[in-house]
Structures are given as structure tokens and as C-alpha cells.
Amino acid sequence: MANIPYEIYKELEESLGKERAERLTKAFEKYFETQKEEIKIKLKEELKDELLTKGEFYSEIKRLEEKITNLEKTLDLKIRIWFILIIALILFTNKETLEWLFKLFGLIK
């Protein structure tokens, strides 16, 4: 139980008498104890609502990993497309390369 400070008890004892002061301090202690328990329960409930559970945390991690994997695949595809485009541009804008390609495929002798 929560004890009230000695100075407060002495003041109550002087003004109300020993018996009434004891009853009053016991009533205060009981009241403070119930308030303490109620506050504990409310705080616990609020924390439960605010915090993630372990399962929620791991499911969120899994979701983010899947998203990263999808982004990697998309980025890989874009890099491949750009690589092919750059190679094609280099080949088709170079006159000597074009002649070589045409000779290779038998379009020019």
C-alpha cells in the first residue's frame, strides 16, 4: 500500500485525533491504491493499442521485403531495356557498323 508522508499524518493526528487520523490515512491509502491499479490497467491498454505485436511486425517486414523484390525486378528489366537501346543506338548510328551488319546478313557484298 502507498503510505502517506509522516508530516501529513502528524498534522491530521493533531487536528483530528489519533483514531480519526488513522482511519483517514487508511482510507486515503486504499483510495490511492485503487487509483494506482486503475491507472496501471489504463496505461497497459493504451500501450497495447499503440504497440505492434510480434506477428504484425514480422508481417510488415515480409510485405516490405516483397515490395523491395518487386522493385528490384522492375529496375532490372528497365536496366536491360536501356542497355539494349544504347547498344542498338550505337550500332545503328555508326556508318561502319551498319555496313558490317549488312555484310554479315548478306544485304551488301
Protein backbone atom coordinates (compact mmCIF):
# COMPACT_ATOMS: atom_id res chain seq x y z
CA MET A 1 0.00 0.00 0.00
CA ALA A 2 1.00 3.58 -0.55
CA ASN A 3 1.92 5.30 2.68
CA ILE A 4 1.25 8.97 3.20
CA PRO A 5 4.12 11.14 4.41
CA TYR A 6 4.68 11.23 8.18
CA GLU A 7 4.30 15.01 8.34
CA ILE A 8 0.80 14.83 6.85
CA TYR A 9 -0.17 12.08 9.28
CA LYS A 10 1.10 14.13 12.24
CA GLU A 11 -0.92 17.17 11.11
CA LEU A 12 -4.05 15.02 10.78
CA GLU A 13 -3.43 13.45 14.17
CA GLU A 14 -3.07 16.85 15.82
CA SER A 15 -6.18 18.31 14.24
CA LEU A 16 -8.48 15.25 14.18
CA GLY A 17 -7.11 12.95 16.86
CA LYS A 18 -5.24 9.67 16.58
CA GLU A 19 -8.19 7.41 15.79
CA ARG A 20 -9.71 9.59 13.08
CA ALA A 21 -6.29 10.28 11.57
CA GLU A 22 -5.60 6.54 11.30
CA ARG A 23 -8.99 5.88 9.67
CA LEU A 24 -8.48 8.78 7.29
CA THR A 25 -4.96 7.71 6.30
CA LYS A 26 -6.16 4.13 5.72
CA ALA A 27 -8.98 5.44 3.54
CA PHE A 28 -6.52 7.60 1.58
CA GLU A 29 -4.14 4.68 1.17
CA LYS A 30 -6.94 2.45 -0.08
CA TYR A 31 -8.12 5.15 -2.49
CA PHE A 32 -4.59 5.76 -3.81
CA GLU A 33 -4.03 2.02 -4.25
CA THR A 34 -7.21 1.60 -6.30
CA GLN A 35 -6.30 4.66 -8.38
CA LYS A 36 -2.84 3.24 -8.94
CA GLU A 37 -4.29 -0.07 -10.18
CA GLU A 38 -6.79 1.70 -12.47
CA ILE A 39 -4.03 3.85 -13.95
CA LYS A 40 -1.88 0.74 -14.49
CA ILE A 41 -4.71 -1.01 -16.33
CA LYS A 42 -5.48 2.03 -18.49
CA LEU A 43 -1.82 2.53 -19.33
CA LYS A 44 -1.42 -1.14 -20.25
CA GLU A 45 -4.46 -0.96 -22.57
CA GLU A 46 -3.20 2.23 -24.23
CA LEU A 47 0.23 0.70 -24.79
CA LYS A 48 -1.32 -2.44 -26.28
CA ASP A 49 -3.23 -0.31 -28.77
CA GLU A 50 -0.16 1.72 -29.72
CA LEU A 51 2.46 -1.01 -29.98
CA LEU A 52 2.83 -3.62 -32.70
CA THR A 53 2.67 -7.26 -31.86
CA LYS A 54 5.49 -9.55 -32.92
CA GLY A 55 3.30 -11.07 -35.65
CA GLU A 56 2.34 -7.65 -37.03
CA PHE A 57 5.99 -6.62 -37.06
CA TYR A 58 7.11 -9.71 -38.98
CA SER A 59 4.22 -9.49 -41.44
CA GLU A 60 5.16 -5.86 -42.15
CA ILE A 61 8.80 -6.88 -42.66
CA LYS A 62 7.69 -9.60 -45.09
CA ARG A 63 5.50 -7.13 -47.00
CA LEU A 64 8.39 -4.68 -47.31
CA GLU A 65 10.76 -7.44 -48.48
CA GLU A 66 8.26 -8.44 -51.18
CA LYS A 67 7.95 -4.82 -52.26
CA ILE A 68 11.73 -4.47 -52.47
CA THR A 69 11.96 -7.69 -54.51
CA ASN A 70 9.34 -6.38 -56.95
CA LEU A 71 11.19 -3.08 -57.27
CA GLU A 72 14.45 -4.94 -57.94
CA LYS A 73 12.79 -6.95 -60.72
CA THR A 74 11.33 -3.80 -62.27
CA LEU A 75 14.65 -1.99 -62.06
CA ASP A 76 16.49 -4.97 -63.56
CA LEU A 77 14.07 -5.01 -66.51
CA LYS A 78 14.49 -1.27 -67.08
CA ILE A 79 18.27 -1.57 -66.97
CA ARG A 80 18.19 -4.37 -69.56
CA ILE A 81 15.91 -2.36 -71.87
CA TRP A 82 18.13 0.72 -71.61
CA PHE A 83 21.24 -1.41 -72.25
CA ILE A 84 19.69 -2.89 -75.40
CA LEU A 85 18.57 0.55 -76.57
CA ILE A 86 22.02 2.06 -76.05
CA ILE A 87 23.72 -0.80 -77.89
CA ALA A 88 21.18 -0.50 -80.74
CA LEU A 89 21.74 3.25 -80.99
CA ILE A 90 25.49 2.81 -81.07
CA LEU A 91 25.24 0.15 -83.77
CA PHE A 92 22.71 1.94 -85.97
CA THR A 93 24.25 5.41 -85.77
CA ASN A 94 27.75 4.24 -86.74
CA LYS A 95 28.12 4.03 -90.55
CA GLU A 96 30.89 1.44 -90.46
CA THR A 97 28.96 -0.76 -88.08
CA LEU A 98 25.90 -0.59 -90.32
CA GLU A 99 27.98 -1.68 -93.33
CA TRP A 100 29.44 -4.54 -91.31
CA LEU A 101 25.95 -5.66 -90.22
CA PHE A 102 24.62 -5.52 -93.78
CA LYS A 103 27.59 -7.57 -95.00
CA LEU A 104 27.05 -10.01 -92.15
CA PHE A 105 23.43 -10.61 -93.12
CA GLY A 106 24.22 -10.66 -96.82
CA LEU A 107 22.42 -7.47 -97.75
CA ILE A 108 25.59 -5.90 -99.21
CA LYS A 109 28.54 -7.59 -100.96
